[in-house]
Structure formats: structure tokens, C-alpha cells
PDB file of N, CA and C in Angstrom:
ATOM      1  N   MET A   1      53.888 -28.915 -69.564  1.00  0.00           N
ATOM      2  CA  MET A   1      54.528 -29.701 -68.532  1.00  0.00           C
ATOM      3  C   MET A   1      56.010 -29.821 -68.853  1.00  0.00           C
ATOM      4  N   SER A   2      56.768 -29.948 -67.822  1.00  0.00           N
ATOM      5  CA  SER A   2      58.208 -30.063 -68.008  1.00  0.00           C
ATOM      6  C   SER A   2      58.635 -31.521 -67.964  1.00  0.00           C
ATOM      7  N   LEU A   3      59.882 -31.734 -68.303  1.00  0.00           N
ATOM      8  CA  LEU A   3      60.445 -33.080 -68.235  1.00  0.00           C
ATOM      9  C   LEU A   3      61.017 -33.364 -66.855  1.00  0.00           C
ATOM     10  N   SER A   4      61.021 -32.359 -66.001  1.00  0.00           N
ATOM     11  CA  SER A   4      61.554 -32.548 -64.652  1.00  0.00           C
ATOM     12  C   SER A   4      60.570 -31.974 -63.641  1.00  0.00           C
ATOM     13  N   ASP A   5      60.911 -32.090 -62.386  1.00  0.00           N
ATOM     14  CA  ASP A   5      60.043 -31.600 -61.323  1.00  0.00           C
ATOM     15  C   ASP A   5      59.854 -30.085 -61.402  1.00  0.00           C
ATOM     16  N   CYS A   6      58.669 -29.631 -61.036  1.00  0.00           N
ATOM     17  CA  CYS A   6      58.378 -28.198 -60.944  1.00  0.00           C
ATOM     18  C   CYS A   6      59.265 -27.596 -59.855  1.00  0.00           C
ATOM     19  N   ILE A   7      59.789 -26.402 -60.094  1.00  0.00           N
ATOM     20  CA  ILE A   7      60.673 -25.779 -59.106  1.00  0.00           C
ATOM     21  C   ILE A   7      59.923 -25.254 -57.882  1.00  0.00           C
ATOM     22  N   LYS A   8      58.597 -25.200 -57.956  1.00  0.00           N
ATOM     23  CA  LYS A   8      57.806 -24.692 -56.826  1.00  0.00           C
ATOM     24  C   LYS A   8      57.170 -25.813 -55.996  1.00  0.00           C
ATOM     25  N   CYS A   9      56.624 -26.843 -56.661  1.00  0.00           N
ATOM     26  CA  CYS A   9      55.950 -27.911 -55.908  1.00  0.00           C
ATOM     27  C   CYS A   9      56.694 -29.244 -56.000  1.00  0.00           C
ATOM     28  N   TYR A  10      57.696 -29.319 -56.879  1.00  0.00           N
ATOM     29  CA  TYR A  10      58.532 -30.514 -57.063  1.00  0.00           C
ATOM     30  C   TYR A  10      57.752 -31.714 -57.592  1.00  0.00           C
ATOM     31  N   ASP A  11      56.587 -31.477 -58.184  1.00  0.00           N
ATOM     32  CA  ASP A  11      55.796 -32.563 -58.763  1.00  0.00           C
ATOM     33  C   ASP A  11      55.977 -32.592 -60.280  1.00  0.00           C
ATOM     34  N   THR A  12      55.838 -33.771 -60.841  1.00  0.00           N
ATOM     35  CA  THR A  12      55.858 -33.962 -62.287  1.00  0.00           C
ATOM     36  C   THR A  12      54.638 -34.782 -62.660  1.00  0.00           C
ATOM     37  N   PRO A  13      53.646 -34.215 -63.333  1.00  0.00           N
ATOM     38  CA  PRO A  13      53.592 -32.829 -63.776  1.00  0.00           C
ATOM     39  C   PRO A  13      53.299 -31.885 -62.608  1.00  0.00           C
ATOM     40  N   CYS A  14      53.530 -30.618 -62.855  1.00  0.00           N
ATOM     41  CA  CYS A  14      53.292 -29.579 -61.846  1.00  0.00           C
ATOM     42  C   CYS A  14      51.840 -29.646 -61.362  1.00  0.00           C
ATOM     43  N   GLU A  15      51.672 -29.566 -60.039  1.00  0.00           N
ATOM     44  CA  GLU A  15      50.325 -29.559 -59.459  1.00  0.00           C
ATOM     45  C   GLU A  15      49.982 -28.237 -58.780  1.00  0.00           C
ATOM     46  N   CYS A  16      50.956 -27.339 -58.680  1.00  0.00           N
ATOM     47  CA  CYS A  16      50.689 -26.062 -58.002  1.00  0.00           C
ATOM     48  C   CYS A  16      50.263 -24.957 -58.965  1.00  0.00           C
ATOM     49  N   GLY A  17      50.510 -25.166 -60.270  1.00  0.00           N
ATOM     50  CA  GLY A  17      50.109 -24.184 -61.271  1.00  0.00           C
ATOM     51  C   GLY A  17      51.249 -23.337 -61.821  1.00  0.00           C
ATOM     52  N   TRP A  18      52.377 -23.315 -61.156  1.00  0.00           N
ATOM     53  CA  TRP A  18      53.502 -22.474 -61.546  1.00  0.00           C
ATOM     54  C   TRP A  18      53.927 -22.683 -63.003  1.00  0.00           C
ATOM     55  N   GLU A  19      54.023 -23.914 -63.424  1.00  0.00           N
ATOM     56  CA  GLU A  19      54.531 -24.189 -64.763  1.00  0.00           C
ATOM     57  C   GLU A  19      53.530 -23.858 -65.871  1.00  0.00           C
ATOM     58  N   TYR A  20      52.324 -23.489 -65.521  1.00  0.00           N
ATOM     59  CA  TYR A  20      51.304 -23.155 -66.515  1.00  0.00           C
ATOM     60  C   TYR A  20      51.141 -21.646 -66.676  1.00  0.00           C
ATOM     61  N   ARG A  21      51.946 -20.873 -65.979  1.00  0.00           N
ATOM     62  CA  ARG A  21      51.805 -19.418 -65.976  1.00  0.00           C
ATOM     63  C   ARG A  21      52.001 -18.803 -67.357  1.00  0.00           C
ATOM     64  N   GLY A  22      52.781 -19.427 -68.205  1.00  0.00           N
ATOM     65  CA  GLY A  22      53.037 -18.891 -69.532  1.00  0.00           C
ATOM     66  C   GLY A  22      52.105 -19.419 -70.613  1.00  0.00           C
ATOM     67  N   TRP A  23      51.232 -20.351 -70.244  1.00  0.00           N
ATOM     68  CA  TRP A  23      50.312 -20.913 -71.232  1.00  0.00           C
ATOM     69  C   TRP A  23      49.253 -19.892 -71.615  1.00  0.00           C
ATOM     70  N   THR A  24      48.777 -19.963 -72.843  1.00  0.00           N
ATOM     71  CA  THR A  24      47.673 -19.101 -73.256  1.00  0.00           C
ATOM     72  C   THR A  24      46.384 -19.604 -72.603  1.00  0.00           C
ATOM     73  N   VAL A  25      45.399 -18.727 -72.561  1.00  0.00           N
ATOM     74  CA  VAL A  25      44.094 -19.118 -72.021  1.00  0.00           C
ATOM     75  C   VAL A  25      43.508 -20.256 -72.852  1.00  0.00           C
ATOM     76  N   GLU A  26      43.692 -20.202 -74.166  1.00  0.00           N
ATOM     77  CA  GLU A  26      43.165 -21.249 -75.031  1.00  0.00           C
ATOM     78  C   GLU A  26      43.801 -22.601 -74.718  1.00  0.00           C
ATOM     79  N   ARG A  27      45.104 -22.599 -74.501  1.00  0.00           N
ATOM     80  CA  ARG A  27      45.789 -23.861 -74.168  1.00  0.00           C
ATOM     81  C   ARG A  27      45.324 -24.379 -72.820  1.00  0.00           C
ATOM     82  N   LEU A  28      45.179 -23.483 -71.845  1.00  0.00           N
ATOM     83  CA  LEU A  28      44.685 -23.887 -70.524  1.00  0.00           C
ATOM     84  C   LEU A  28      43.265 -24.437 -70.624  1.00  0.00           C
ATOM     85  N   ASP A  29      42.407 -23.782 -71.407  1.00  0.00           N
ATOM     86  CA  ASP A  29      41.038 -24.281 -71.602  1.00  0.00           C
ATOM     87  C   ASP A  29      41.047 -25.682 -72.196  1.00  0.00           C
ATOM     88  N   GLY A  30      41.920 -25.921 -73.159  1.00  0.00           N
ATOM     89  CA  GLY A  30      42.033 -27.247 -73.761  1.00  0.00           C
ATOM     90  C   GLY A  30      42.488 -28.290 -72.763  1.00  0.00           C
ATOM     91  N   TYR A  31      43.415 -27.924 -71.896  1.00  0.00           N
ATOM     92  CA  TYR A  31      43.922 -28.833 -70.872  1.00  0.00           C
ATOM     93  C   TYR A  31      42.820 -29.179 -69.871  1.00  0.00           C
ATOM     94  N   VAL A  32      42.067 -28.165 -69.474  1.00  0.00           N
ATOM     95  CA  VAL A  32      40.950 -28.375 -68.548  1.00  0.00           C
ATOM     96  C   VAL A  32      39.907 -29.286 -69.187  1.00  0.00           C
ATOM     97  N   LYS A  33      39.608 -29.067 -70.460  1.00  0.00           N
ATOM     98  CA  LYS A  33      38.644 -29.910 -71.163  1.00  0.00           C
ATOM     99  C   LYS A  33      39.115 -31.366 -71.178  1.00  0.00           C
ATOM    100  N   MET A  34      40.390 -31.578 -71.488  1.00  0.00           N
ATOM    101  CA  MET A  34      40.932 -32.936 -71.531  1.00  0.00           C
ATOM    102  C   MET A  34      40.818 -33.599 -70.158  1.00  0.00           C
ATOM    103  N   LEU A  35      41.196 -32.874 -69.102  1.00  0.00           N
ATOM    104  CA  LEU A  35      41.112 -33.450 -67.755  1.00  0.00           C
ATOM    105  C   LEU A  35      39.667 -33.756 -67.375  1.00  0.00           C
ATOM    106  N   ASN A  36      38.740 -32.875 -67.731  1.00  0.00           N
ATOM    107  CA  ASN A  36      37.323 -33.139 -67.461  1.00  0.00           C
ATOM    108  C   ASN A  36      36.840 -34.375 -68.202  1.00  0.00           C
ATOM    109  N   ASN A  37      37.332 -34.590 -69.422  1.00  0.00           N
ATOM    110  CA  ASN A  37      36.967 -35.789 -70.166  1.00  0.00           C
ATOM    111  C   ASN A  37      37.522 -37.053 -69.506  1.00  0.00           C
ATOM    112  N   VAL A  38      38.727 -36.983 -68.991  1.00  0.00           N
ATOM    113  CA  VAL A  38      39.295 -38.134 -68.272  1.00  0.00           C
ATOM    114  C   VAL A  38      38.456 -38.426 -67.024  1.00  0.00           C
ATOM    115  N   ILE A  39      38.083 -37.394 -66.298  1.00  0.00           N
ATOM    116  CA  ILE A  39      37.242 -37.566 -65.108  1.00  0.00           C
ATOM    117  C   ILE A  39      35.912 -38.208 -65.486  1.00  0.00           C
ATOM    118  N   MET A  40      35.279 -37.723 -66.545  1.00  0.00           N
ATOM    119  CA  MET A  40      33.991 -38.267 -66.967  1.00  0.00           C
ATOM    120  C   MET A  40      34.126 -39.738 -67.340  1.00  0.00           C
ATOM    121  N   PHE A  41      35.174 -40.091 -68.085  1.00  0.00           N
ATOM    122  CA  PHE A  41      35.386 -41.482 -68.466  1.00  0.00           C
ATOM    123  C   PHE A  41      35.524 -42.353 -67.222  1.00  0.00           C
ATOM    124  N   LYS A  42      36.313 -41.897 -66.260  1.00  0.00           N
ATOM    125  CA  LYS A  42      36.530 -42.686 -65.045  1.00  0.00           C
ATOM    126  C   LYS A  42      35.253 -42.819 -64.227  1.00  0.00           C
ATOM    127  N   LYS A  43      34.393 -41.810 -64.250  1.00  0.00           N
ATOM    128  CA  LYS A  43      33.104 -41.903 -63.557  1.00  0.00           C
ATOM    129  C   LYS A  43      32.174 -42.877 -64.264  1.00  0.00           C
ATOM    130  N   LEU A  44      32.211 -42.871 -65.601  1.00  0.00           N
ATOM    131  CA  LEU A  44      31.368 -43.777 -66.376  1.00  0.00           C
ATOM    132  C   LEU A  44      31.859 -45.220 -66.329  1.00  0.00           C
ATOM    133  N   HIS A  45      33.154 -45.407 -66.114  1.00  0.00           N
ATOM    134  CA  HIS A  45      33.793 -46.731 -66.131  1.00  0.00           C
ATOM    135  C   HIS A  45      34.685 -46.892 -64.899  1.00  0.00           C
ATOM    136  N   PRO A  46      34.102 -46.953 -63.709  1.00  0.00           N
ATOM    137  CA  PRO A  46      34.906 -46.934 -62.482  1.00  0.00           C
ATOM    138  C   PRO A  46      35.770 -48.168 -62.249  1.00  0.00           C
ATOM    139  N   ASP A  47      35.467 -49.275 -62.890  1.00  0.00           N
ATOM    140  CA  ASP A  47      36.208 -50.508 -62.601  1.00  0.00           C
ATOM    141  C   ASP A  47      37.254 -50.857 -63.649  1.00  0.00           C
ATOM    142  N   GLN A  48      37.611 -49.903 -64.492  1.00  0.00           N
ATOM    143  CA  GLN A  48      38.598 -50.171 -65.532  1.00  0.00           C
ATOM    144  C   GLN A  48      39.989 -50.356 -64.916  1.00  0.00           C
ATOM    145  N   GLU A  49      40.762 -51.223 -65.519  1.00  0.00           N
ATOM    146  CA  GLU A  49      42.130 -51.462 -65.050  1.00  0.00           C
ATOM    147  C   GLU A  49      43.106 -50.901 -66.072  1.00  0.00           C
ATOM    148  N   PHE A  50      43.796 -49.845 -65.680  1.00  0.00           N
ATOM    149  CA  PHE A  50      44.752 -49.179 -66.546  1.00  0.00           C
ATOM    150  C   PHE A  50      46.162 -49.686 -66.270  1.00  0.00           C
ATOM    151  N   SER A  51      47.011 -49.575 -67.288  1.00  0.00           N
ATOM    152  CA  SER A  51      48.424 -49.915 -67.082  1.00  0.00           C
ATOM    153  C   SER A  51      49.024 -48.873 -66.144  1.00  0.00           C
ATOM    154  N   MET A  52      50.045 -49.286 -65.411  1.00  0.00           N
ATOM    155  CA  MET A  52      50.699 -48.372 -64.476  1.00  0.00           C
ATOM    156  C   MET A  52      51.914 -47.688 -65.104  1.00  0.00           C
ATOM    157  N   PHE A  53      52.595 -48.396 -65.983  1.00  0.00           N
ATOM    158  CA  PHE A  53      53.833 -47.894 -66.563  1.00  0.00           C
ATOM    159  C   PHE A  53      53.804 -48.094 -68.069  1.00  0.00           C
ATOM    160  N   MET A  54      54.557 -47.282 -68.789  1.00  0.00           N
ATOM    161  CA  MET A  54      54.607 -47.415 -70.250  1.00  0.00           C
ATOM    162  C   MET A  54      55.093 -48.798 -70.662  1.00  0.00           C
ATOM    163  N   SER A  55      55.959 -49.385 -69.879  1.00  0.00           N
ATOM    164  CA  SER A  55      56.519 -50.696 -70.221  1.00  0.00           C
ATOM    165  C   SER A  55      55.529 -51.841 -70.002  1.00  0.00           C
ATOM    166  N   ASP A  56      54.387 -51.578 -69.340  1.00  0.00           N
ATOM    167  CA  ASP A  56      53.386 -52.621 -69.083  1.00  0.00           C
ATOM    168  C   ASP A  56      52.613 -53.019 -70.335  1.00  0.00           C
ATOM    169  N   GLY A  57      52.590 -52.173 -71.322  1.00  0.00           N
ATOM    170  CA  GLY A  57      51.746 -52.420 -72.483  1.00  0.00           C
ATOM    171  C   GLY A  57      50.339 -51.918 -72.218  1.00  0.00           C
ATOM    172  N   GLU A  58      49.616 -51.640 -73.282  1.00  0.00           N
ATOM    173  CA  GLU A  58      48.272 -51.093 -73.153  1.00  0.00           C
ATOM    174  C   GLU A  58      47.260 -52.143 -72.720  1.00  0.00           C
ATOM    175  N   THR A  59      46.410 -51.753 -71.800  1.00  0.00           N
ATOM    176  CA  THR A  59      45.284 -52.593 -71.425  1.00  0.00           C
ATOM    177  C   THR A  59      44.092 -52.203 -72.298  1.00  0.00           C
ATOM    178  N   GLU A  60      43.037 -52.987 -72.245  1.00  0.00           N
ATOM    179  CA  GLU A  60      41.811 -52.630 -72.963  1.00  0.00           C
ATOM    180  C   GLU A  60      41.263 -51.307 -72.445  1.00  0.00           C
ATOM    181  N   ALA A  61      41.394 -51.059 -71.143  1.00  0.00           N
ATOM    182  CA  ALA A  61      40.916 -49.802 -70.563  1.00  0.00           C
ATOM    183  C   ALA A  61      41.707 -48.619 -71.115  1.00  0.00           C
ATOM    184  N   ASP A  62      43.020 -48.785 -71.276  1.00  0.00           N
ATOM    185  CA  ASP A  62      43.841 -47.727 -71.868  1.00  0.00           C
ATOM    186  C   ASP A  62      43.322 -47.381 -73.256  1.00  0.00           C
ATOM    187  N   LYS A  63      43.048 -48.399 -74.053  1.00  0.00           N
ATOM    188  CA  LYS A  63      42.565 -48.198 -75.416  1.00  0.00           C
ATOM    189  C   LYS A  63      41.199 -47.522 -75.423  1.00  0.00           C
ATOM    190  N   LYS A  64      40.300 -47.955 -74.531  1.00  0.00           N
ATOM    191  CA  LYS A  64      38.965 -47.360 -74.450  1.00  0.00           C
ATOM    192  C   LYS A  64      39.041 -45.884 -74.049  1.00  0.00           C
ATOM    193  N   LEU A  65      39.931 -45.577 -73.104  1.00  0.00           N
ATOM    194  CA  LEU A  65      40.090 -44.187 -72.671  1.00  0.00           C
ATOM    195  C   LEU A  65      40.547 -43.323 -73.839  1.00  0.00           C
ATOM    196  N   MET A  66      41.537 -43.771 -74.586  1.00  0.00           N
ATOM    197  CA  MET A  66      42.036 -42.979 -75.705  1.00  0.00           C
ATOM    198  C   MET A  66      40.977 -42.819 -76.794  1.00  0.00           C
ATOM    199  N   GLU A  67      40.183 -43.845 -77.043  1.00  0.00           N
ATOM    200  CA  GLU A  67      39.089 -43.721 -78.009  1.00  0.00           C
ATOM    201  C   GLU A  67      38.089 -42.675 -77.530  1.00  0.00           C
ATOM    202  N   TYR A  68      37.759 -42.708 -76.239  1.00  0.00           N
ATOM    203  CA  TYR A  68      36.832 -41.752 -75.654  1.00  0.00           C
ATOM    204  C   TYR A  68      37.378 -40.331 -75.777  1.00  0.00           C
ATOM    205  N   LEU A  69      38.664 -40.138 -75.478  1.00  0.00           N
ATOM    206  CA  LEU A  69      39.249 -38.806 -75.538  1.00  0.00           C
ATOM    207  C   LEU A  69      39.296 -38.290 -76.973  1.00  0.00           C
ATOM    208  N   ARG A  70      39.538 -39.145 -77.921  1.00  0.00           N
ATOM    209  CA  ARG A  70      39.568 -38.707 -79.324  1.00  0.00           C
ATOM    210  C   ARG A  70      38.189 -38.264 -79.805  1.00  0.00           C
ATOM    211  N   ARG A  71      37.143 -38.877 -79.288  1.00  0.00           N
ATOM    212  CA  ARG A  71      35.768 -38.526 -79.685  1.00  0.00           C
ATOM    213  C   ARG A  71      35.283 -37.247 -79.007  1.00  0.00           C
ATOM    214  N   ASN A  72      35.834 -36.963 -77.845  1.00  0.00           N
ATOM    215  CA  ASN A  72      35.350 -35.819 -77.056  1.00  0.00           C
ATOM    216  C   ASN A  72      36.363 -34.742 -77.099  1.00  0.00           C
TER     217      ASN A  72
END
């Protein structure tokens, strides 16, 4: 991911795929795995309240998500 908007879709992070063209298959597989784990956590815990901004401080849900991601 870049620190600025994607030059093709103007999203941060890129949502069109352009900025991932140089990634290795292994790195892409790891990214997909991480996103699938986030999806699974959110399905298992649909009512969690996450912080919106870094300046908000961590919520209990933020901490639980990171613990879940570290285990999976």
C-alpha cells in the first residue's frame, strides 16, 4: 500500500488492484489470508465497537481483533 492515493482508483489503500501488481504471489496470499481473518472475526463478533481513528485510542474490540489476528 502507498502513503497516498492510488493513481488509478484514487483510494487509500488501493481498491482497484493496481498498486499490488508488483507484489509477489506469496505476499498477495498473505494479504488475502489476513483479510479473510478480519472478515471471520467480524462475522464471529458482529457487535464489536472499533475505534475510528488512531487518536481515539484502542477499544477492547481493537485489542481482541489483534489477538485474533496474531493467533491466526
